[in-house]
C-alpha atoms as a PDB file:
ATOM      1  CA  MET A   1      59.736 -18.102 139.440  1.00  0.00           C
ATOM      2  CA  GLY A   2      61.438 -14.830 139.327  1.00  0.00           C
ATOM      3  CA  LYS A   3      64.346 -13.069 140.995  1.00  0.00           C
ATOM      4  CA  GLU A   4      64.641 -12.877 144.977  1.00  0.00           C
ATOM      5  CA  VAL A   5      65.535  -9.146 145.700  1.00  0.00           C
ATOM      6  CA  ILE A   6      67.003 -10.097 149.268  1.00  0.00           C
ATOM      7  CA  LEU A   7      67.643  -6.511 151.312  1.00  0.00           C
ATOM      8  CA  VAL A   8      69.905  -6.492 154.174  1.00  0.00           C
ATOM      9  CA  THR A   9      69.736  -3.584 156.295  1.00  0.00           C
ATOM     10  CA  GLY A  10      72.829  -3.297 158.716  1.00  0.00           C
ATOM     11  CA  GLY A  11      75.052  -4.439 155.725  1.00  0.00           C
ATOM     12  CA  SER A  12      77.906  -2.763 157.073  1.00  0.00           C
ATOM     13  CA  GLY A  13      77.858  -3.898 160.596  1.00  0.00           C
ATOM     14  CA  LEU A  14      79.568  -7.225 162.090  1.00  0.00           C
ATOM     15  CA  VAL A  15      76.568  -9.721 160.810  1.00  0.00           C
ATOM     16  CA  GLY A  16      75.945  -8.169 157.368  1.00  0.00           C
ATOM     17  CA  LYS A  17      79.569  -8.204 156.634  1.00  0.00           C
ATOM     18  CA  GLY A  18      79.929 -11.735 157.791  1.00  0.00           C
ATOM     19  CA  ILE A  19      76.918 -12.685 155.447  1.00  0.00           C
ATOM     20  CA  GLU A  20      78.255 -10.870 152.511  1.00  0.00           C
ATOM     21  CA  MET A  21      81.527 -12.772 153.103  1.00  0.00           C
ATOM     22  CA  VAL A  22      79.362 -16.177 153.050  1.00  0.00           C
ATOM     23  CA  LEU A  23      77.986 -15.246 150.008  1.00  0.00           C
ATOM     24  CA  GLU A  24      80.722 -15.027 147.638  1.00  0.00           C
ATOM     25  CA  THR A  25      80.772 -18.714 147.612  1.00  0.00           C
ATOM     26  CA  GLU A  26      77.131 -19.675 148.508  1.00  0.00           C
ATOM     27  CA  LYS A  27      75.230 -17.045 146.558  1.00  0.00           C
ATOM     28  CA  LEU A  28      72.262 -18.357 144.084  1.00  0.00           C
ATOM     29  CA  PRO A  29      71.855 -17.112 140.433  1.00  0.00           C
ATOM     30  CA  ASP A  30      68.404 -15.943 140.873  1.00  0.00           C
ATOM     31  CA  GLU A  31      69.070 -13.820 143.992  1.00  0.00           C
ATOM     32  CA  GLU A  32      70.100 -10.376 144.305  1.00  0.00           C
ATOM     33  CA  TRP A  33      71.837  -9.142 147.616  1.00  0.00           C
ATOM     34  CA  ILE A  34      71.710  -5.738 148.475  1.00  0.00           C
ATOM     35  CA  PHE A  35      73.266  -4.396 151.541  1.00  0.00           C
ATOM     36  CA  LEU A  36      72.374  -1.307 152.860  1.00  0.00           C
ATOM     37  CA  SER A  37      74.456   1.124 155.776  1.00  0.00           C
ATOM     38  CA  SER A  38      72.916   3.879 157.472  1.00  0.00           C
ATOM     39  CA  LYS A  39      74.739   6.038 154.357  1.00  0.00           C
ATOM     40  CA  ASP A  40      71.745   4.921 152.423  1.00  0.00           C
ATOM     41  CA  GLY A  41      68.830   6.533 154.637  1.00  0.00           C
ATOM     42  CA  ASN A  42      67.701   6.681 157.944  1.00  0.00           C
ATOM     43  CA  LEU A  43      65.553   3.821 159.193  1.00  0.00           C
ATOM     44  CA  LEU A  44      64.091   5.750 161.826  1.00  0.00           C
ATOM     45  CA  SER A  45      62.444   7.916 159.129  1.00  0.00           C
ATOM     46  CA  GLU A  46      59.489   6.717 157.977  1.00  0.00           C
ATOM     47  CA  SER A  47      59.926   8.763 154.602  1.00  0.00           C
ATOM     48  CA  ASP A  48      63.688   7.241 153.820  1.00  0.00           C
ATOM     49  CA  THR A  49      62.613   3.978 154.620  1.00  0.00           C
ATOM     50  CA  GLU A  50      59.847   3.786 152.097  1.00  0.00           C
ATOM     51  CA  ARG A  51      61.987   5.467 149.536  1.00  0.00           C
ATOM     52  CA  ILE A  52      64.767   2.631 149.924  1.00  0.00           C
ATOM     53  CA  PHE A  53      61.878   0.178 149.492  1.00  0.00           C
ATOM     54  CA  SER A  54      60.584   2.202 146.468  1.00  0.00           C
ATOM     55  CA  LYS A  55      63.867   1.621 144.726  1.00  0.00           C
ATOM     56  CA  TYR A  56      64.704  -1.698 145.799  1.00  0.00           C
ATOM     57  CA  GLN A  57      61.124  -3.510 145.532  1.00  0.00           C
ATOM     58  CA  PRO A  58      62.648  -6.169 148.003  1.00  0.00           C
ATOM     59  CA  THR A  59      60.760  -9.480 147.750  1.00  0.00           C
ATOM     60  CA  MET A  60      62.603 -10.353 151.406  1.00  0.00           C
ATOM     61  CA  VAL A  61      64.445  -8.707 154.069  1.00  0.00           C
ATOM     62  CA  LEU A  62      67.022  -9.513 156.554  1.00  0.00           C
ATOM     63  CA  HIS A  63      66.804  -6.637 159.264  1.00  0.00           C
ATOM     64  CA  LEU A  64      70.004  -6.203 160.790  1.00  0.00           C
ATOM     65  CA  ALA A  65      70.521  -2.604 161.539  1.00  0.00           C
ATOM     66  CA  ALA A  66      70.200  -1.238 164.693  1.00  0.00           C
ATOM     67  CA  GLN A  67      71.307   1.959 166.907  1.00  0.00           C
ATOM     68  CA  VAL A  68      74.777   0.294 168.792  1.00  0.00           C
ATOM     69  CA  GLY A  69      77.138   1.790 170.775  1.00  0.00           C
ATOM     70  CA  GLY A  70      78.554  -0.454 172.935  1.00  0.00           C
ATOM     71  CA  LEU A  71      78.232  -1.868 176.605  1.00  0.00           C
ATOM     72  CA  PHE A  72      78.616   1.564 178.279  1.00  0.00           C
ATOM     73  CA  ALA A  73      76.492   3.327 175.659  1.00  0.00           C
ATOM     74  CA  ASN A  74      73.766   1.022 175.952  1.00  0.00           C
ATOM     75  CA  MET A  75      74.073   1.156 179.890  1.00  0.00           C
ATOM     76  CA  LYS A  76      73.676   4.981 179.931  1.00  0.00           C
ATOM     77  CA  ALA A  77      70.950   5.376 177.162  1.00  0.00           C
ATOM     78  CA  ASN A  78      69.230   2.149 177.126  1.00  0.00           C
ATOM     79  CA  CYS A  79      65.672   3.335 176.931  1.00  0.00           C
ATOM     80  CA  ASP A  80      66.649   5.630 173.751  1.00  0.00           C
ATOM     81  CA  PHE A  81      68.366   2.356 172.054  1.00  0.00           C
ATOM     82  CA  LEU A  82      65.372   0.355 172.618  1.00  0.00           C
ATOM     83  CA  ARG A  83      63.121   2.940 171.389  1.00  0.00           C
ATOM     84  CA  ASN A  84      65.017   4.076 168.465  1.00  0.00           C
ATOM     85  CA  ASN A  85      65.418   0.074 167.506  1.00  0.00           C
ATOM     86  CA  MET A  86      61.591  -0.644 167.930  1.00  0.00           C
ATOM     87  CA  LYS A  87      60.790   2.182 165.564  1.00  0.00           C
ATOM     88  CA  MET A  88      63.427   1.268 162.672  1.00  0.00           C
ATOM     89  CA  ASN A  89      61.493  -2.565 163.022  1.00  0.00           C
ATOM     90  CA  ASP A  90      58.294  -0.843 163.091  1.00  0.00           C
ATOM     91  CA  ASN A  91      59.174   1.174 159.840  1.00  0.00           C
ATOM     92  CA  ILE A  92      60.706  -2.096 158.078  1.00  0.00           C
ATOM     93  CA  LEU A  93      57.705  -4.160 159.047  1.00  0.00           C
ATOM     94  CA  ALA A  94      55.388  -1.364 157.437  1.00  0.00           C
ATOM     95  CA  ALA A  95      57.166  -0.949 154.541  1.00  0.00           C
ATOM     96  CA  SER A  96      57.484  -4.625 154.162  1.00  0.00           C
ATOM     97  CA  HIS A  97      53.742  -4.781 154.135  1.00  0.00           C
ATOM     98  CA  LYS A  98      53.469  -1.878 151.577  1.00  0.00           C
ATOM     99  CA  TYR A  99      55.410  -3.513 149.220  1.00  0.00           C
ATOM    100  CA  ASN A 100      54.563  -7.095 149.524  1.00  0.00           C
ATOM    101  CA  VAL A 101      57.793  -8.465 150.999  1.00  0.00           C
ATOM    102  CA  LYS A 102      57.105 -12.179 151.151  1.00  0.00           C
ATOM    103  CA  LYS A 103      59.255 -12.718 154.347  1.00  0.00           C
ATOM    104  CA  VAL A 104      61.069 -10.773 157.161  1.00  0.00           C
ATOM    105  CA  VAL A 105      63.519 -11.830 159.434  1.00  0.00           C
ATOM    106  CA  SER A 106      64.645  -9.187 162.166  1.00  0.00           C
ATOM    107  CA  CYS A 107      67.593  -9.805 164.183  1.00  0.00           C
ATOM    108  CA  LEU A 108      68.000  -6.939 166.586  1.00  0.00           C
ATOM    109  CA  SER A 109      70.647  -6.370 169.285  1.00  0.00           C
ATOM    110  CA  THR A 110      72.329  -3.141 170.593  1.00  0.00           C
ATOM    111  CA  CYS A 111      75.375  -4.726 171.397  1.00  0.00           C
ATOM    112  CA  ILE A 112      77.535  -7.467 169.991  1.00  0.00           C
ATOM    113  CA  PHE A 113      81.026  -8.232 170.250  1.00  0.00           C
ATOM    114  CA  PRO A 114      83.531  -9.939 167.534  1.00  0.00           C
ATOM    115  CA  ASP A 115      85.940 -12.705 168.602  1.00  0.00           C
END
């Protein structure tokens, strides 16, 4: 079995950083984890998403990226948040299908509050 390439969108967010911290002690030798932030590309863009998948060739995707803005921003523009997050998820799923990704886990939220 070859190396697993696990692509994590939203890697600079609360959940992504938590996973990265756990992997400091739990990572398996045949895994390569790639943590993306919005600086790596715009997941609302099909071409940016395609470029990311072409570059990294992931075998698994953990999709954590979302448009976020806190409680009041969500209340003010909830439809925009929903549509943008659905578009990101659709782009991730389409690219995952095209690049034969074995497993995709999407964990979408537009509002999360740490302890």
